[in-house]
């Protein structure tokens, strides 16, 4: 258990940052799932729209440092590839 004031503050900060990071990851995964359902539905326009939204969320997540920028690039690339192979866009 922390005894100093700064250590106690650090524990509080870590808890709030962890909660915020978990929220960002959840938002990113939800955006990816929305894209996956649009792909499964076969609607090209909805898939393109949800891909743009998912890429924006992924970029924001990487910008905040929750995921690495190369992981963000890899995820976006795989989503783009999935769109092209599945719907032939």
C-alpha atoms as a PDB file:
ATOM      1  CA  UNK A   1       0.000   0.000   0.000  1.00  0.00           C
ATOM      2  CA  UNK A   2       1.274   3.427  -0.916  1.00  0.00           C
ATOM      3  CA  UNK A   3       2.074   5.809   1.897  1.00  0.00           C
ATOM      4  CA  UNK A   4       3.274   9.002   0.235  1.00  0.00           C
ATOM      5  CA  UNK A   5       0.912  11.543  -1.240  1.00  0.00           C
ATOM      6  CA  UNK A   6       2.486  11.311  -4.695  1.00  0.00           C
ATOM      7  CA  UNK A   7       2.226   7.514  -4.734  1.00  0.00           C
ATOM      8  CA  UNK A   8      -1.445   7.689  -3.789  1.00  0.00           C
ATOM      9  CA  UNK A   9      -2.047  10.222  -6.529  1.00  0.00           C
ATOM     10  CA  UNK A  10      -0.242   7.994  -9.031  1.00  0.00           C
ATOM     11  CA  UNK A  11      -2.529   5.092  -8.076  1.00  0.00           C
ATOM     12  CA  UNK A  12      -5.589   7.277  -8.710  1.00  0.00           C
ATOM     13  CA  UNK A  13      -4.202   8.467 -12.051  1.00  0.00           C
ATOM     14  CA  UNK A  14      -3.367   4.929 -13.152  1.00  0.00           C
ATOM     15  CA  UNK A  15      -6.916   3.803 -12.393  1.00  0.00           C
ATOM     16  CA  UNK A  16      -8.489   6.608 -14.418  1.00  0.00           C
ATOM     17  CA  UNK A  17      -6.062   6.145 -17.326  1.00  0.00           C
ATOM     18  CA  UNK A  18      -6.674   2.402 -17.358  1.00  0.00           C
ATOM     19  CA  UNK A  19     -10.429   2.979 -17.457  1.00  0.00           C
ATOM     20  CA  UNK A  20     -10.070   5.468 -20.297  1.00  0.00           C
ATOM     21  CA  UNK A  21      -7.806   3.117 -22.264  1.00  0.00           C
ATOM     22  CA  UNK A  22     -10.260   0.263 -21.834  1.00  0.00           C
ATOM     23  CA  UNK A  23     -13.030   2.534 -23.119  1.00  0.00           C
ATOM     24  CA  UNK A  24     -10.965   3.449 -26.177  1.00  0.00           C
ATOM     25  CA  UNK A  25     -10.217  -0.214 -26.932  1.00  0.00           C
ATOM     26  CA  UNK A  26     -13.889  -1.083 -26.556  1.00  0.00           C
ATOM     27  CA  UNK A  27     -14.861   1.726 -28.946  1.00  0.00           C
ATOM     28  CA  UNK A  28     -12.280   0.537 -31.466  1.00  0.00           C
ATOM     29  CA  UNK A  29     -13.472  -3.056 -31.322  1.00  0.00           C
ATOM     30  CA  UNK A  30     -17.099  -1.926 -31.659  1.00  0.00           C
ATOM     31  CA  UNK A  31     -16.243   0.077 -34.782  1.00  0.00           C
ATOM     32  CA  UNK A  32     -14.480  -2.956 -36.262  1.00  0.00           C
ATOM     33  CA  UNK A  33     -17.484  -5.143 -35.450  1.00  0.00           C
ATOM     34  CA  UNK A  34     -19.786  -2.635 -37.159  1.00  0.00           C
ATOM     35  CA  UNK A  35     -17.587  -2.919 -40.250  1.00  0.00           C
ATOM     36  CA  UNK A  36     -17.701  -6.722 -40.060  1.00  0.00           C
ATOM     37  CA  UNK A  37     -21.503  -6.733 -39.901  1.00  0.00           C
ATOM     38  CA  UNK A  38     -21.685  -4.360 -42.872  1.00  0.00           C
ATOM     39  CA  UNK A  39     -19.413  -6.723 -44.807  1.00  0.00           C
ATOM     40  CA  UNK A  40     -21.537  -9.706 -43.835  1.00  0.00           C
ATOM     41  CA  UNK A  41     -24.651  -7.853 -44.973  1.00  0.00           C
ATOM     42  CA  UNK A  42     -23.122  -7.305 -48.396  1.00  0.00           C
ATOM     43  CA  UNK A  43     -23.915  -3.585 -48.467  1.00  0.00           C
ATOM     44  CA  UNK A  44     -20.988  -1.875 -50.207  1.00  0.00           C
ATOM     45  CA  UNK A  45     -21.845   1.699 -49.242  1.00  0.00           C
ATOM     46  CA  UNK A  46     -22.450   0.841 -45.597  1.00  0.00           C
ATOM     47  CA  UNK A  47     -19.180  -1.097 -45.555  1.00  0.00           C
ATOM     48  CA  UNK A  48     -17.242   1.851 -46.985  1.00  0.00           C
ATOM     49  CA  UNK A  49     -18.820   4.236 -44.490  1.00  0.00           C
ATOM     50  CA  UNK A  50     -18.141   1.969 -41.537  1.00  0.00           C
ATOM     51  CA  UNK A  51     -14.576   1.398 -42.781  1.00  0.00           C
ATOM     52  CA  UNK A  52     -13.928   5.147 -42.729  1.00  0.00           C
ATOM     53  CA  UNK A  53     -15.376   5.373 -39.223  1.00  0.00           C
ATOM     54  CA  UNK A  54     -13.351   2.389 -38.021  1.00  0.00           C
ATOM     55  CA  UNK A  55     -10.127   3.815 -39.479  1.00  0.00           C
ATOM     56  CA  UNK A  56     -10.754   7.116 -37.715  1.00  0.00           C
ATOM     57  CA  UNK A  57     -11.299   5.355 -34.391  1.00  0.00           C
ATOM     58  CA  UNK A  58      -8.202   3.197 -34.903  1.00  0.00           C
ATOM     59  CA  UNK A  59      -6.092   6.274 -35.702  1.00  0.00           C
ATOM     60  CA  UNK A  60      -7.399   8.078 -32.637  1.00  0.00           C
ATOM     61  CA  UNK A  61      -6.644   5.063 -30.464  1.00  0.00           C
ATOM     62  CA  UNK A  62      -3.085   4.946 -31.773  1.00  0.00           C
ATOM     63  CA  UNK A  63      -2.655   8.691 -31.377  1.00  0.00           C
ATOM     64  CA  UNK A  64      -3.571   8.416 -27.704  1.00  0.00           C
ATOM     65  CA  UNK A  65      -0.962   5.684 -27.238  1.00  0.00           C
ATOM     66  CA  UNK A  66      -3.375   2.875 -26.422  1.00  0.00           C
ATOM     67  CA  UNK A  67      -2.114   0.816 -29.362  1.00  0.00           C
ATOM     68  CA  UNK A  68       1.090   1.164 -31.365  1.00  0.00           C
ATOM     69  CA  UNK A  69       0.934   3.105 -34.623  1.00  0.00           C
ATOM     70  CA  UNK A  70       2.141   0.126 -36.615  1.00  0.00           C
ATOM     71  CA  UNK A  71      -0.571  -2.025 -35.103  1.00  0.00           C
ATOM     72  CA  UNK A  72      -3.068   0.627 -36.182  1.00  0.00           C
ATOM     73  CA  UNK A  73      -1.668   0.586 -39.726  1.00  0.00           C
ATOM     74  CA  UNK A  74      -1.818  -3.206 -39.792  1.00  0.00           C
ATOM     75  CA  UNK A  75      -5.426  -3.256 -38.607  1.00  0.00           C
ATOM     76  CA  UNK A  76      -6.490  -0.664 -41.178  1.00  0.00           C
ATOM     77  CA  UNK A  77      -4.678  -2.531 -43.939  1.00  0.00           C
ATOM     78  CA  UNK A  78      -6.395  -5.781 -43.059  1.00  0.00           C
ATOM     79  CA  UNK A  79      -9.791  -4.094 -42.988  1.00  0.00           C
ATOM     80  CA  UNK A  80      -9.163  -2.547 -46.408  1.00  0.00           C
ATOM     81  CA  UNK A  81      -8.028  -5.898 -47.744  1.00  0.00           C
ATOM     82  CA  UNK A  82     -11.135  -7.549 -46.324  1.00  0.00           C
ATOM     83  CA  UNK A  83     -13.356  -4.998 -48.041  1.00  0.00           C
ATOM     84  CA  UNK A  84     -11.673  -5.489 -51.404  1.00  0.00           C
ATOM     85  CA  UNK A  85     -11.668  -9.287 -51.346  1.00  0.00           C
ATOM     86  CA  UNK A  86     -15.160  -9.756 -49.935  1.00  0.00           C
ATOM     87  CA  UNK A  87     -17.127  -7.181 -51.874  1.00  0.00           C
ATOM     88  CA  UNK A  88     -14.787  -6.707 -54.822  1.00  0.00           C
ATOM     89  CA  UNK A  89     -14.588  -2.952 -54.352  1.00  0.00           C
END
